[in-house]
């Protein structure tokens, strides 16, 4: 399932999220790789099913205001998560290649909980 073998300690979690279609079962996950802030933004846009709005926001000024905007490839996804308040800048930078910490991941989960009921569809379905 998603490139994760049953003996891997993450197998149950991957199965859980794949069964809910939060990730594609056929997608090969790199479980032991570090997740960057930009990759997280893309994953969140997919998870929220906001791919069309992400494409629309690709030219949004939100990202161009970051001093490191030239190093952001998925500008629409970053604009989306910033506009939703899920991720924030750090002294005028987005830091797209910075590794996501456990603290940031926990903060993102709590922000998704806060967004529940305020989006057009139930988050995670």
PDB file of N, CA and C in Angstrom:
ATOM      1  N   UNK A   1       0.843  -1.172   0.000  1.00  0.00           N
ATOM      2  CA  UNK A   1       0.000   0.000   0.000  1.00  0.00           C
ATOM      3  C   UNK A   1       0.885   1.231   0.000  1.00  0.00           C
ATOM      4  N   UNK A   2       0.761   2.044  -1.027  1.00  0.00           N
ATOM      5  CA  UNK A   2       1.491   3.299  -1.165  1.00  0.00           C
ATOM      6  C   UNK A   2       2.994   3.109  -0.967  1.00  0.00           C
ATOM      7  N   UNK A   3       3.514   1.956  -1.347  1.00  0.00           N
ATOM      8  CA  UNK A   3       4.941   1.702  -1.243  1.00  0.00           C
ATOM      9  C   UNK A   3       5.423   1.420   0.163  1.00  0.00           C
ATOM     10  N   UNK A   4       4.516   1.160   1.094  1.00  0.00           N
ATOM     11  CA  UNK A   4       4.883   0.887   2.482  1.00  0.00           C
ATOM     12  C   UNK A   4       4.525  -0.571   2.782  1.00  0.00           C
ATOM     13  N   UNK A   5       5.508  -1.308   3.242  1.00  0.00           N
ATOM     14  CA  UNK A   5       5.306  -2.729   3.524  1.00  0.00           C
ATOM     15  C   UNK A   5       4.639  -2.919   4.884  1.00  0.00           C
ATOM     16  N   UNK A   6       3.882  -4.005   5.049  1.00  0.00           N
ATOM     17  CA  UNK A   6       3.169  -4.264   6.311  1.00  0.00           C
ATOM     18  C   UNK A   6       4.053  -4.275   7.559  1.00  0.00           C
ATOM     19  N   UNK A   7       5.302  -4.611   7.407  1.00  0.00           N
ATOM     20  CA  UNK A   7       6.182  -4.645   8.583  1.00  0.00           C
ATOM     21  C   UNK A   7       6.682  -3.248   8.992  1.00  0.00           C
ATOM     22  N   UNK A   8       6.436  -2.245   8.159  1.00  0.00           N
ATOM     23  CA  UNK A   8       6.851  -0.876   8.484  1.00  0.00           C
ATOM     24  C   UNK A   8       5.962  -0.326   9.600  1.00  0.00           C
ATOM     25  N   UNK A   9       6.547   0.391  10.529  1.00  0.00           N
ATOM     26  CA  UNK A   9       5.777   0.923  11.664  1.00  0.00           C
ATOM     27  C   UNK A   9       4.729   1.951  11.233  1.00  0.00           C
ATOM     28  N   UNK A  10       4.853   2.504  10.031  1.00  0.00           N
ATOM     29  CA  UNK A  10       3.883   3.476   9.532  1.00  0.00           C
ATOM     30  C   UNK A  10       2.756   2.843   8.726  1.00  0.00           C
ATOM     31  N   UNK A  11       2.803   1.528   8.538  1.00  0.00           N
ATOM     32  CA  UNK A  11       1.836   0.852   7.669  1.00  0.00           C
ATOM     33  C   UNK A  11       0.389   1.122   8.074  1.00  0.00           C
ATOM     34  N   UNK A  12       0.071   1.034   9.354  1.00  0.00           N
ATOM     35  CA  UNK A  12      -1.309   1.242   9.802  1.00  0.00           C
ATOM     36  C   UNK A  12      -1.783   2.668   9.523  1.00  0.00           C
ATOM     37  N   UNK A  13      -0.905   3.626   9.721  1.00  0.00           N
ATOM     38  CA  UNK A  13      -1.256   5.029   9.455  1.00  0.00           C
ATOM     39  C   UNK A  13      -1.475   5.243   7.963  1.00  0.00           C
ATOM     40  N   UNK A  14      -0.588   4.697   7.154  1.00  0.00           N
ATOM     41  CA  UNK A  14      -0.718   4.841   5.701  1.00  0.00           C
ATOM     42  C   UNK A  14      -1.999   4.172   5.216  1.00  0.00           C
ATOM     43  N   UNK A  15      -2.314   3.017   5.756  1.00  0.00           N
ATOM     44  CA  UNK A  15      -3.548   2.324   5.402  1.00  0.00           C
ATOM     45  C   UNK A  15      -4.761   3.178   5.772  1.00  0.00           C
ATOM     46  N   UNK A  16      -4.727   3.750   6.954  1.00  0.00           N
ATOM     47  CA  UNK A  16      -5.819   4.600   7.433  1.00  0.00           C
ATOM     48  C   UNK A  16      -6.059   5.777   6.485  1.00  0.00           C
ATOM     49  N   UNK A  17      -5.003   6.502   6.146  1.00  0.00           N
ATOM     50  CA  UNK A  17      -5.186   7.681   5.300  1.00  0.00           C
ATOM     51  C   UNK A  17      -5.506   7.302   3.857  1.00  0.00           C
ATOM     52  N   UNK A  18      -4.972   6.180   3.392  1.00  0.00           N
ATOM     53  CA  UNK A  18      -5.277   5.721   2.034  1.00  0.00           C
ATOM     54  C   UNK A  18      -6.732   5.260   1.933  1.00  0.00           C
ATOM     55  N   UNK A  19      -7.246   4.580   2.952  1.00  0.00           N
ATOM     56  CA  UNK A  19      -8.637   4.139   2.954  1.00  0.00           C
ATOM     57  C   UNK A  19      -9.605   5.318   2.912  1.00  0.00           C
ATOM     58  N   UNK A  20      -9.193   6.435   3.458  1.00  0.00           N
ATOM     59  CA  UNK A  20     -10.020   7.650   3.444  1.00  0.00           C
ATOM     60  C   UNK A  20      -9.769   8.524   2.227  1.00  0.00           C
ATOM     61  N   UNK A  21      -8.916   8.014   1.332  1.00  0.00           N
ATOM     62  CA  UNK A  21      -8.570   8.696   0.084  1.00  0.00           C
ATOM     63  C   UNK A  21      -7.882  10.036   0.328  1.00  0.00           C
ATOM     64  N   UNK A  22      -7.176  10.145   1.449  1.00  0.00           N
ATOM     65  CA  UNK A  22      -6.392  11.343   1.718  1.00  0.00           C
ATOM     66  C   UNK A  22      -5.107  11.309   0.903  1.00  0.00           C
ATOM     67  N   UNK A  23      -4.676  10.094   0.564  1.00  0.00           N
ATOM     68  CA  UNK A  23      -3.561   9.889  -0.350  1.00  0.00           C
ATOM     69  C   UNK A  23      -3.976   8.821  -1.344  1.00  0.00           C
ATOM     70  N   UNK A  24      -3.280   8.759  -2.442  1.00  0.00           N
ATOM     71  CA  UNK A  24      -3.532   7.765  -3.468  1.00  0.00           C
ATOM     72  C   UNK A  24      -2.856   6.455  -3.063  1.00  0.00           C
ATOM     73  N   UNK A  25      -3.611   5.360  -3.056  1.00  0.00           N
ATOM     74  CA  UNK A  25      -3.060   4.057  -2.662  1.00  0.00           C
ATOM     75  C   UNK A  25      -1.913   3.629  -3.567  1.00  0.00           C
ATOM     76  N   UNK A  26      -1.937   4.087  -4.806  1.00  0.00           N
ATOM     77  CA  UNK A  26      -0.905   3.696  -5.762  1.00  0.00           C
ATOM     78  C   UNK A  26       0.321   4.603  -5.713  1.00  0.00           C
ATOM     79  N   UNK A  27       0.208   5.699  -5.010  1.00  0.00           N
ATOM     80  CA  UNK A  27       1.315   6.641  -4.891  1.00  0.00           C
ATOM     81  C   UNK A  27       2.419   6.020  -4.034  1.00  0.00           C
ATOM     82  N   UNK A  28       3.634   6.111  -4.494  1.00  0.00           N
ATOM     83  CA  UNK A  28       4.752   5.570  -3.717  1.00  0.00           C
ATOM     84  C   UNK A  28       5.225   6.642  -2.739  1.00  0.00           C
ATOM     85  N   UNK A  29       5.024   6.362  -1.464  1.00  0.00           N
ATOM     86  CA  UNK A  29       5.427   7.304  -0.422  1.00  0.00           C
ATOM     87  C   UNK A  29       6.874   7.069  -0.024  1.00  0.00           C
ATOM     88  N   UNK A  30       7.534   8.129   0.321  1.00  0.00           N
ATOM     89  CA  UNK A  30       8.904   8.041   0.824  1.00  0.00           C
ATOM     90  C   UNK A  30       8.841   8.371   2.312  1.00  0.00           C
ATOM     91  N   UNK A  31       8.403   7.392   3.077  1.00  0.00           N
ATOM     92  CA  UNK A  31       8.111   7.558   4.496  1.00  0.00           C
ATOM     93  C   UNK A  31       9.292   8.087   5.291  1.00  0.00           C
ATOM     94  N   UNK A  32      10.482   7.672   4.950  1.00  0.00           N
ATOM     95  CA  UNK A  32      11.654   8.072   5.724  1.00  0.00           C
ATOM     96  C   UNK A  32      12.259   9.395   5.263  1.00  0.00           C
ATOM     97  N   UNK A  33      11.690  10.003   4.223  1.00  0.00           N
ATOM     98  CA  UNK A  33      12.185  11.288   3.744  1.00  0.00           C
ATOM     99  C   UNK A  33      11.634  12.417   4.595  1.00  0.00           C
ATOM    100  N   UNK A  34      12.357  13.510   4.614  1.00  0.00           N
ATOM    101  CA  UNK A  34      11.907  14.700   5.322  1.00  0.00           C
ATOM    102  C   UNK A  34      10.905  15.444   4.445  1.00  0.00           C
ATOM    103  N   UNK A  35       9.881  15.983   5.059  1.00  0.00           N
ATOM    104  CA  UNK A  35       8.847  16.743   4.367  1.00  0.00           C
ATOM    105  C   UNK A  35       9.181  18.228   4.467  1.00  0.00           C
ATOM    106  N   UNK A  36       9.152  18.926   3.331  1.00  0.00           N
ATOM    107  CA  UNK A  36       9.422  20.366   3.347  1.00  0.00           C
ATOM    108  C   UNK A  36       8.113  21.135   3.491  1.00  0.00           C
ATOM    109  N   UNK A  37       8.238  22.401   3.828  1.00  0.00           N
ATOM    110  CA  UNK A  37       7.057  23.253   3.976  1.00  0.00           C
ATOM    111  C   UNK A  37       6.292  23.357   2.651  1.00  0.00           C
ATOM    112  N   UNK A  38       7.002  23.445   1.545  1.00  0.00           N
ATOM    113  CA  UNK A  38       6.317  23.526   0.252  1.00  0.00           C
ATOM    114  C   UNK A  38       5.618  22.208  -0.069  1.00  0.00           C
ATOM    115  N   UNK A  39       6.256  21.083   0.202  1.00  0.00           N
ATOM    116  CA  UNK A  39       5.607  19.790  -0.017  1.00  0.00           C
ATOM    117  C   UNK A  39       4.367  19.656   0.861  1.00  0.00           C
ATOM    118  N   UNK A  40       4.453  20.140   2.084  1.00  0.00           N
ATOM    119  CA  UNK A  40       3.296  20.118   2.974  1.00  0.00           C
ATOM    120  C   UNK A  40       2.164  20.958   2.401  1.00  0.00           C
ATOM    121  N   UNK A  41       2.483  22.119   1.862  1.00  0.00           N
ATOM    122  CA  UNK A  41       1.462  22.980   1.255  1.00  0.00           C
ATOM    123  C   UNK A  41       0.747  22.261   0.121  1.00  0.00           C
ATOM    124  N   UNK A  42       1.502  21.576  -0.716  1.00  0.00           N
ATOM    125  CA  UNK A  42       0.923  20.826  -1.833  1.00  0.00           C
ATOM    126  C   UNK A  42       0.041  19.692  -1.316  1.00  0.00           C
ATOM    127  N   UNK A  43       0.530  18.954  -0.316  1.00  0.00           N
ATOM    128  CA  UNK A  43      -0.247  17.858   0.255  1.00  0.00           C
ATOM    129  C   UNK A  43      -1.539  18.368   0.886  1.00  0.00           C
ATOM    130  N   UNK A  44      -1.471  19.514   1.556  1.00  0.00           N
ATOM    131  CA  UNK A  44      -2.670  20.083   2.174  1.00  0.00           C
ATOM    132  C   UNK A  44      -3.680  20.514   1.114  1.00  0.00           C
ATOM    133  N   UNK A  45      -3.218  21.110   0.037  1.00  0.00           N
ATOM    134  CA  UNK A  45      -4.121  21.517  -1.049  1.00  0.00           C
ATOM    135  C   UNK A  45      -4.823  20.290  -1.634  1.00  0.00           C
ATOM    136  N   UNK A  46      -4.085  19.204  -1.811  1.00  0.00           N
ATOM    137  CA  UNK A  46      -4.679  17.960  -2.314  1.00  0.00           C
ATOM    138  C   UNK A  46      -5.663  17.383  -1.305  1.00  0.00           C
ATOM    139  N   UNK A  47      -5.267  17.362  -0.041  1.00  0.00           N
ATOM    140  CA  UNK A  47      -6.096  16.821   1.030  1.00  0.00           C
ATOM    141  C   UNK A  47      -7.419  17.586   1.145  1.00  0.00           C
ATOM    142  N   UNK A  48      -7.345  18.905   1.006  1.00  0.00           N
ATOM    143  CA  UNK A  48      -8.547  19.742   1.095  1.00  0.00           C
ATOM    144  C   UNK A  48      -9.365  19.731  -0.198  1.00  0.00           C
ATOM    145  N   UNK A  49      -8.809  19.103  -1.226  1.00  0.00           N
ATOM    146  CA  UNK A  49      -9.447  19.019  -2.543  1.00  0.00           C
ATOM    147  C   UNK A  49      -9.652  20.417  -3.153  1.00  0.00           C
ATOM    148  N   UNK A  50      -8.638  21.244  -3.003  1.00  0.00           N
ATOM    149  CA  UNK A  50      -8.657  22.603  -3.538  1.00  0.00           C
ATOM    150  C   UNK A  50      -7.696  22.756  -4.704  1.00  0.00           C
ATOM    151  N   UNK A  51      -7.581  21.734  -5.521  1.00  0.00           N
ATOM    152  CA  UNK A  51      -6.636  21.766  -6.626  1.00  0.00           C
ATOM    153  C   UNK A  51      -6.980  22.842  -7.662  1.00  0.00           C
ATOM    154  N   UNK A  52      -8.264  23.053  -7.920  1.00  0.00           N
ATOM    155  CA  UNK A  52      -8.648  24.075  -8.899  1.00  0.00           C
ATOM    156  C   UNK A  52      -8.341  25.474  -8.379  1.00  0.00           C
ATOM    157  N   UNK A  53      -8.658  25.718  -7.132  1.00  0.00           N
ATOM    158  CA  UNK A  53      -8.375  27.039  -6.567  1.00  0.00           C
ATOM    159  C   UNK A  53      -6.869  27.248  -6.448  1.00  0.00           C
ATOM    160  N   UNK A  54      -6.129  26.161  -6.207  1.00  0.00           N
ATOM    161  CA  UNK A  54      -4.672  26.247  -6.151  1.00  0.00           C
ATOM    162  C   UNK A  54      -4.122  26.697  -7.497  1.00  0.00           C
ATOM    163  N   UNK A  55      -4.653  26.131  -8.574  1.00  0.00           N
ATOM    164  CA  UNK A  55      -4.222  26.555  -9.916  1.00  0.00           C
ATOM    165  C   UNK A  55      -4.569  28.025 -10.147  1.00  0.00           C
ATOM    166  N   UNK A  56      -5.724  28.436  -9.686  1.00  0.00           N
ATOM    167  CA  UNK A  56      -6.152  29.832  -9.818  1.00  0.00           C
ATOM    168  C   UNK A  56      -5.220  30.775  -9.040  1.00  0.00           C
ATOM    169  N   UNK A  57      -4.794  30.343  -7.866  1.00  0.00           N
ATOM    170  CA  UNK A  57      -3.956  31.180  -7.001  1.00  0.00           C
ATOM    171  C   UNK A  57      -2.480  31.186  -7.398  1.00  0.00           C
ATOM    172  N   UNK A  58      -2.142  30.485  -8.461  1.00  0.00           N
ATOM    173  CA  UNK A  58      -0.749  30.387  -8.880  1.00  0.00           C
ATOM    174  C   UNK A  58      -0.109  31.750  -9.135  1.00  0.00           C
ATOM    175  N   UNK A  59      -0.892  32.725  -9.538  1.00  0.00           N
ATOM    176  CA  UNK A  59      -0.373  34.068  -9.833  1.00  0.00           C
ATOM    177  C   UNK A  59      -0.739  35.073  -8.738  1.00  0.00           C
ATOM    178  N   UNK A  60      -1.262  34.599  -7.624  1.00  0.00           N
ATOM    179  CA  UNK A  60      -1.691  35.473  -6.542  1.00  0.00           C
ATOM    180  C   UNK A  60      -0.503  36.224  -5.940  1.00  0.00           C
ATOM    181  N   UNK A  61      -0.749  37.446  -5.492  1.00  0.00           N
ATOM    182  CA  UNK A  61       0.322  38.281  -4.949  1.00  0.00           C
ATOM    183  C   UNK A  61       0.802  37.823  -3.574  1.00  0.00           C
ATOM    184  N   UNK A  62       0.058  36.957  -2.921  1.00  0.00           N
ATOM    185  CA  UNK A  62       0.442  36.495  -1.581  1.00  0.00           C
ATOM    186  C   UNK A  62       1.866  35.969  -1.567  1.00  0.00           C
ATOM    187  N   UNK A  63       2.206  35.129  -2.516  1.00  0.00           N
ATOM    188  CA  UNK A  63       3.519  34.501  -2.547  1.00  0.00           C
ATOM    189  C   UNK A  63       4.591  35.484  -3.001  1.00  0.00           C
ATOM    190  N   UNK A  64       4.258  36.376  -3.908  1.00  0.00           N
ATOM    191  CA  UNK A  64       5.269  37.319  -4.404  1.00  0.00           C
ATOM    192  C   UNK A  64       5.759  38.267  -3.320  1.00  0.00           C
ATOM    193  N   UNK A  65       5.017  38.369  -2.232  1.00  0.00           N
ATOM    194  CA  UNK A  65       5.433  39.227  -1.122  1.00  0.00           C
ATOM    195  C   UNK A  65       6.526  38.591  -0.260  1.00  0.00           C
ATOM    196  N   UNK A  66       6.741  37.291  -0.395  1.00  0.00           N
ATOM    197  CA  UNK A  66       7.801  36.629   0.359  1.00  0.00           C
ATOM    198  C   UNK A  66       9.141  36.929  -0.303  1.00  0.00           C
ATOM    199  N   UNK A  67      10.148  37.220   0.496  1.00  0.00           N
ATOM    200  CA  UNK A  67      11.464  37.529  -0.076  1.00  0.00           C
ATOM    201  C   UNK A  67      12.090  36.314  -0.766  1.00  0.00           C
ATOM    202  N   UNK A  68      11.627  35.105  -0.450  1.00  0.00           N
ATOM    203  CA  UNK A  68      12.137  33.896  -1.096  1.00  0.00           C
ATOM    204  C   UNK A  68      11.153  33.305  -2.104  1.00  0.00           C
ATOM    205  N   UNK A  69      10.280  34.150  -2.652  1.00  0.00           N
ATOM    206  CA  UNK A  69       9.240  33.657  -3.569  1.00  0.00           C
ATOM    207  C   UNK A  69       9.809  32.992  -4.817  1.00  0.00           C
ATOM    208  N   UNK A  70      10.990  33.413  -5.255  1.00  0.00           N
ATOM    209  CA  UNK A  70      11.588  32.817  -6.455  1.00  0.00           C
ATOM    210  C   UNK A  70      11.915  31.338  -6.243  1.00  0.00           C
ATOM    211  N   UNK A  71      12.091  30.922  -4.996  1.00  0.00           N
ATOM    212  CA  UNK A  71      12.424  29.515  -4.728  1.00  0.00           C
ATOM    213  C   UNK A  71      11.186  28.655  -4.456  1.00  0.00           C
ATOM    214  N   UNK A  72      10.001  29.234  -4.618  1.00  0.00           N
ATOM    215  CA  UNK A  72       8.750  28.491  -4.419  1.00  0.00           C
ATOM    216  C   UNK A  72       8.236  28.040  -5.778  1.00  0.00           C
ATOM    217  N   UNK A  73       8.125  26.738  -5.970  1.00  0.00           N
ATOM    218  CA  UNK A  73       7.658  26.196  -7.246  1.00  0.00           C
ATOM    219  C   UNK A  73       6.137  26.108  -7.323  1.00  0.00           C
ATOM    220  N   UNK A  74       5.502  25.708  -6.248  1.00  0.00           N
ATOM    221  CA  UNK A  74       4.054  25.521  -6.223  1.00  0.00           C
ATOM    222  C   UNK A  74       3.394  26.717  -5.544  1.00  0.00           C
ATOM    223  N   UNK A  75       3.431  27.845  -6.236  1.00  0.00           N
ATOM    224  CA  UNK A  75       2.964  29.104  -5.666  1.00  0.00           C
ATOM    225  C   UNK A  75       1.483  29.081  -5.287  1.00  0.00           C
ATOM    226  N   UNK A  76       0.664  28.408  -6.065  1.00  0.00           N
ATOM    227  CA  UNK A  76      -0.765  28.337  -5.774  1.00  0.00           C
ATOM    228  C   UNK A  76      -1.059  27.600  -4.482  1.00  0.00           C
ATOM    229  N   UNK A  77      -0.367  26.493  -4.256  1.00  0.00           N
ATOM    230  CA  UNK A  77      -0.561  25.725  -3.023  1.00  0.00           C
ATOM    231  C   UNK A  77      -0.088  26.521  -1.818  1.00  0.00           C
ATOM    232  N   UNK A  78       1.036  27.208  -1.955  1.00  0.00           N
ATOM    233  CA  UNK A  78       1.549  28.027  -0.854  1.00  0.00           C
ATOM    234  C   UNK A  78       0.581  29.176  -0.577  1.00  0.00           C
ATOM    235  N   UNK A  79       0.102  29.837  -1.631  1.00  0.00           N
ATOM    236  CA  UNK A  79      -0.860  30.935  -1.445  1.00  0.00           C
ATOM    237  C   UNK A  79      -2.105  30.448  -0.723  1.00  0.00           C
ATOM    238  N   UNK A  80      -2.583  29.282  -1.092  1.00  0.00           N
ATOM    239  CA  UNK A  80      -3.786  28.719  -0.467  1.00  0.00           C
ATOM    240  C   UNK A  80      -3.599  28.503   1.028  1.00  0.00           C
ATOM    241  N   UNK A  81      -2.529  27.820   1.415  1.00  0.00           N
ATOM    242  CA  UNK A  81      -2.355  27.508   2.833  1.00  0.00           C
ATOM    243  C   UNK A  81      -2.051  28.750   3.660  1.00  0.00           C
ATOM    244  N   UNK A  82      -1.438  29.743   3.032  1.00  0.00           N
ATOM    245  CA  UNK A  82      -1.186  31.004   3.741  1.00  0.00           C
ATOM    246  C   UNK A  82      -2.500  31.754   3.918  1.00  0.00           C
ATOM    247  N   UNK A  83      -3.297  31.826   2.863  1.00  0.00           N
ATOM    248  CA  UNK A  83      -4.587  32.521   2.944  1.00  0.00           C
ATOM    249  C   UNK A  83      -5.524  31.859   3.956  1.00  0.00           C
ATOM    250  N   UNK A  84      -5.455  30.540   4.068  1.00  0.00           N
ATOM    251  CA  UNK A  84      -6.292  29.822   5.034  1.00  0.00           C
ATOM    252  C   UNK A  84      -5.730  29.903   6.455  1.00  0.00           C
ATOM    253  N   UNK A  85      -4.530  30.433   6.591  1.00  0.00           N
ATOM    254  CA  UNK A  85      -3.918  30.560   7.907  1.00  0.00           C
ATOM    255  C   UNK A  85      -3.313  29.269   8.425  1.00  0.00           C
ATOM    256  N   UNK A  86      -3.128  28.298   7.550  1.00  0.00           N
ATOM    257  CA  UNK A  86      -2.574  27.013   7.965  1.00  0.00           C
ATOM    258  C   UNK A  86      -1.063  27.120   8.164  1.00  0.00           C
ATOM    259  N   UNK A  87      -0.393  27.777   7.247  1.00  0.00           N
ATOM    260  CA  UNK A  87       1.040  28.050   7.365  1.00  0.00           C
ATOM    261  C   UNK A  87       1.247  29.553   7.293  1.00  0.00           C
ATOM    262  N   UNK A  88       2.281  30.029   7.965  1.00  0.00           N
ATOM    263  CA  UNK A  88       2.566  31.461   8.005  1.00  0.00           C
ATOM    264  C   UNK A  88       3.989  31.725   7.547  1.00  0.00           C
ATOM    265  N   UNK A  89       4.244  33.005   7.306  1.00  0.00           N
ATOM    266  CA  UNK A  89       5.599  33.399   6.938  1.00  0.00           C
ATOM    267  C   UNK A  89       6.476  33.439   8.188  1.00  0.00           C
ATOM    268  N   UNK A  90       7.756  33.512   7.951  1.00  0.00           N
ATOM    269  CA  UNK A  90       8.725  33.648   9.027  1.00  0.00           C
ATOM    270  C   UNK A  90       9.608  34.839   8.670  1.00  0.00           C
ATOM    271  N   UNK A  91       9.303  35.995   9.246  1.00  0.00           N
ATOM    272  CA  UNK A  91      10.041  37.225   8.966  1.00  0.00           C
ATOM    273  C   UNK A  91      10.095  37.547   7.480  1.00  0.00           C
ATOM    274  N   UNK A  92       8.948  37.432   6.814  1.00  0.00           N
ATOM    275  CA  UNK A  92       8.858  37.778   5.403  1.00  0.00           C
ATOM    276  C   UNK A  92       9.291  36.699   4.440  1.00  0.00           C
ATOM    277  N   UNK A  93       9.629  35.526   4.953  1.00  0.00           N
ATOM    278  CA  UNK A  93      10.015  34.393   4.106  1.00  0.00           C
ATOM    279  C   UNK A  93       9.033  33.248   4.330  1.00  0.00           C
ATOM    280  N   UNK A  94       8.883  32.416   3.311  1.00  0.00           N
ATOM    281  CA  UNK A  94       8.081  31.207   3.472  1.00  0.00           C
ATOM    282  C   UNK A  94       8.956  30.014   3.845  1.00  0.00           C
ATOM    283  N   UNK A  95      10.207  30.032   3.445  1.00  0.00           N
ATOM    284  CA  UNK A  95      11.139  28.930   3.710  1.00  0.00           C
ATOM    285  C   UNK A  95      10.625  27.609   3.134  1.00  0.00           C
ATOM    286  N   UNK A  96      10.431  27.558   1.810  1.00  0.00           N
ATOM    287  CA  UNK A  96       9.816  26.379   1.195  1.00  0.00           C
ATOM    288  C   UNK A  96      10.587  25.080   1.378  1.00  0.00           C
ATOM    289  N   UNK A  97      11.899  25.142   1.513  1.00  0.00           N
ATOM    290  CA  UNK A  97      12.703  23.923   1.634  1.00  0.00           C
ATOM    291  C   UNK A  97      12.993  23.538   3.081  1.00  0.00           C
ATOM    292  N   UNK A  98      12.475  24.312   4.011  1.00  0.00           N
ATOM    293  CA  UNK A  98      12.684  24.006   5.422  1.00  0.00           C
ATOM    294  C   UNK A  98      11.899  22.750   5.798  1.00  0.00           C
ATOM    295  N   UNK A  99      12.519  21.878   6.580  1.00  0.00           N
ATOM    296  CA  UNK A  99      11.891  20.633   7.001  1.00  0.00           C
ATOM    297  C   UNK A  99      10.769  20.918   8.000  1.00  0.00           C
ATOM    298  N   UNK A 100       9.667  20.227   7.823  1.00  0.00           N
ATOM    299  CA  UNK A 100       8.527  20.352   8.733  1.00  0.00           C
ATOM    300  C   UNK A 100       8.869  19.650  10.045  1.00  0.00           C
ATOM    301  N   UNK A 101       8.700  20.364  11.135  1.00  0.00           N
ATOM    302  CA  UNK A 101       8.953  19.804  12.457  1.00  0.00           C
ATOM    303  C   UNK A 101       7.680  19.154  12.998  1.00  0.00           C
ATOM    304  N   UNK A 102       7.827  18.371  14.043  1.00  0.00           N
ATOM    305  CA  UNK A 102       6.656  17.777  14.691  1.00  0.00           C
ATOM    306  C   UNK A 102       5.755  18.875  15.253  1.00  0.00           C
ATOM    307  N   UNK A 103       6.363  19.933  15.764  1.00  0.00           N
ATOM    308  CA  UNK A 103       5.579  21.042  16.312  1.00  0.00           C
ATOM    309  C   UNK A 103       4.755  21.719  15.220  1.00  0.00           C
ATOM    310  N   UNK A 104       5.355  21.924  14.054  1.00  0.00           N
ATOM    311  CA  UNK A 104       4.609  22.534  12.951  1.00  0.00           C
ATOM    312  C   UNK A 104       3.504  21.595  12.484  1.00  0.00           C
ATOM    313  N   UNK A 105       3.798  20.310  12.387  1.00  0.00           N
ATOM    314  CA  UNK A 105       2.776  19.344  11.972  1.00  0.00           C
ATOM    315  C   UNK A 105       1.598  19.353  12.943  1.00  0.00           C
ATOM    316  N   UNK A 106       1.882  19.420  14.233  1.00  0.00           N
ATOM    317  CA  UNK A 106       0.812  19.476  15.241  1.00  0.00           C
ATOM    318  C   UNK A 106       0.006  20.759  15.086  1.00  0.00           C
ATOM    319  N   UNK A 107       0.678  21.859  14.823  1.00  0.00           N
ATOM    320  CA  UNK A 107       0.004  23.140  14.623  1.00  0.00           C
ATOM    321  C   UNK A 107      -0.913  23.086  13.400  1.00  0.00           C
ATOM    322  N   UNK A 108      -0.440  22.473  12.335  1.00  0.00           N
ATOM    323  CA  UNK A 108      -1.239  22.336  11.111  1.00  0.00           C
ATOM    324  C   UNK A 108      -2.487  21.506  11.387  1.00  0.00           C
ATOM    325  N   UNK A 109      -2.330  20.419  12.115  1.00  0.00           N
ATOM    326  CA  UNK A 109      -3.486  19.573  12.444  1.00  0.00           C
ATOM    327  C   UNK A 109      -4.522  20.374  13.230  1.00  0.00           C
ATOM    328  N   UNK A 110      -4.073  21.156  14.195  1.00  0.00           N
ATOM    329  CA  UNK A 110      -5.001  21.968  14.987  1.00  0.00           C
ATOM    330  C   UNK A 110      -5.685  23.032  14.133  1.00  0.00           C
ATOM    331  N   UNK A 111      -4.974  23.588  13.169  1.00  0.00           N
ATOM    332  CA  UNK A 111      -5.592  24.585  12.283  1.00  0.00           C
ATOM    333  C   UNK A 111      -6.623  23.932  11.379  1.00  0.00           C
ATOM    334  N   UNK A 112      -6.379  22.697  10.966  1.00  0.00           N
ATOM    335  CA  UNK A 112      -7.376  21.967  10.181  1.00  0.00           C
ATOM    336  C   UNK A 112      -8.617  21.702  11.030  1.00  0.00           C
ATOM    337  N   UNK A 113      -8.421  21.387  12.300  1.00  0.00           N
ATOM    338  CA  UNK A 113      -9.555  21.190  13.208  1.00  0.00           C
ATOM    339  C   UNK A 113     -10.361  22.485  13.313  1.00  0.00           C
ATOM    340  N   UNK A 114      -9.673  23.617  13.443  1.00  0.00           N
ATOM    341  CA  UNK A 114     -10.348  24.909  13.530  1.00  0.00           C
ATOM    342  C   UNK A 114     -11.118  25.238  12.251  1.00  0.00           C
ATOM    343  N   UNK A 115     -10.592  24.796  11.113  1.00  0.00           N
ATOM    344  CA  UNK A 115     -11.257  25.052   9.822  1.00  0.00           C
ATOM    345  C   UNK A 115     -12.481  24.167   9.598  1.00  0.00           C
ATOM    346  N   UNK A 116     -12.529  23.045  10.301  1.00  0.00           N
ATOM    347  CA  UNK A 116     -13.644  22.106  10.108  1.00  0.00           C
ATOM    348  C   UNK A 116     -14.982  22.846  10.283  1.00  0.00           C
ATOM    349  N   UNK A 117     -15.845  22.672   9.340  1.00  0.00           N
ATOM    350  CA  UNK A 117     -17.156  23.323   9.366  1.00  0.00           C
ATOM    351  C   UNK A 117     -17.147  24.693   8.705  1.00  0.00           C
ATOM    352  N   UNK A 118     -15.977  25.210   8.355  1.00  0.00           N
ATOM    353  CA  UNK A 118     -15.893  26.526   7.719  1.00  0.00           C
ATOM    354  C   UNK A 118     -15.540  26.406   6.248  1.00  0.00           C
ATOM    355  N   UNK A 119     -15.371  25.186   5.772  1.00  0.00           N
ATOM    356  CA  UNK A 119     -15.062  24.958   4.370  1.00  0.00           C
ATOM    357  C   UNK A 119     -16.307  24.448   3.651  1.00  0.00           C
ATOM    358  N   UNK A 120     -16.257  24.423   2.341  1.00  0.00           N
ATOM    359  CA  UNK A 120     -17.411  23.995   1.548  1.00  0.00           C
ATOM    360  C   UNK A 120     -17.723  22.522   1.680  1.00  0.00           C
ATOM    361  N   UNK A 121     -16.751  21.758   2.110  1.00  0.00           N
ATOM    362  CA  UNK A 121     -16.950  20.319   2.301  1.00  0.00           C
ATOM    363  C   UNK A 121     -16.259  19.908   3.585  1.00  0.00           C
ATOM    364  N   UNK A 122     -16.635  18.779   4.103  1.00  0.00           N
ATOM    365  CA  UNK A 122     -16.026  18.280   5.320  1.00  0.00           C
ATOM    366  C   UNK A 122     -14.576  17.940   5.027  1.00  0.00           C
ATOM    367  N   UNK A 123     -13.676  18.417   5.854  1.00  0.00           N
ATOM    368  CA  UNK A 123     -12.248  18.160   5.657  1.00  0.00           C
ATOM    369  C   UNK A 123     -11.977  16.681   5.844  1.00  0.00           C
ATOM    370  N   UNK A 124     -11.269  16.111   4.888  1.00  0.00           N
ATOM    371  CA  UNK A 124     -10.869  14.711   4.985  1.00  0.00           C
ATOM    372  C   UNK A 124     -11.842  13.725   4.382  1.00  0.00           C
ATOM    373  N   UNK A 125     -12.872  14.221   3.701  1.00  0.00           N
ATOM    374  CA  UNK A 125     -13.815  13.279   3.065  1.00  0.00           C
ATOM    375  C   UNK A 125     -13.837  13.463   1.586  1.00  0.00           C
TER     376      UNK A 125
END
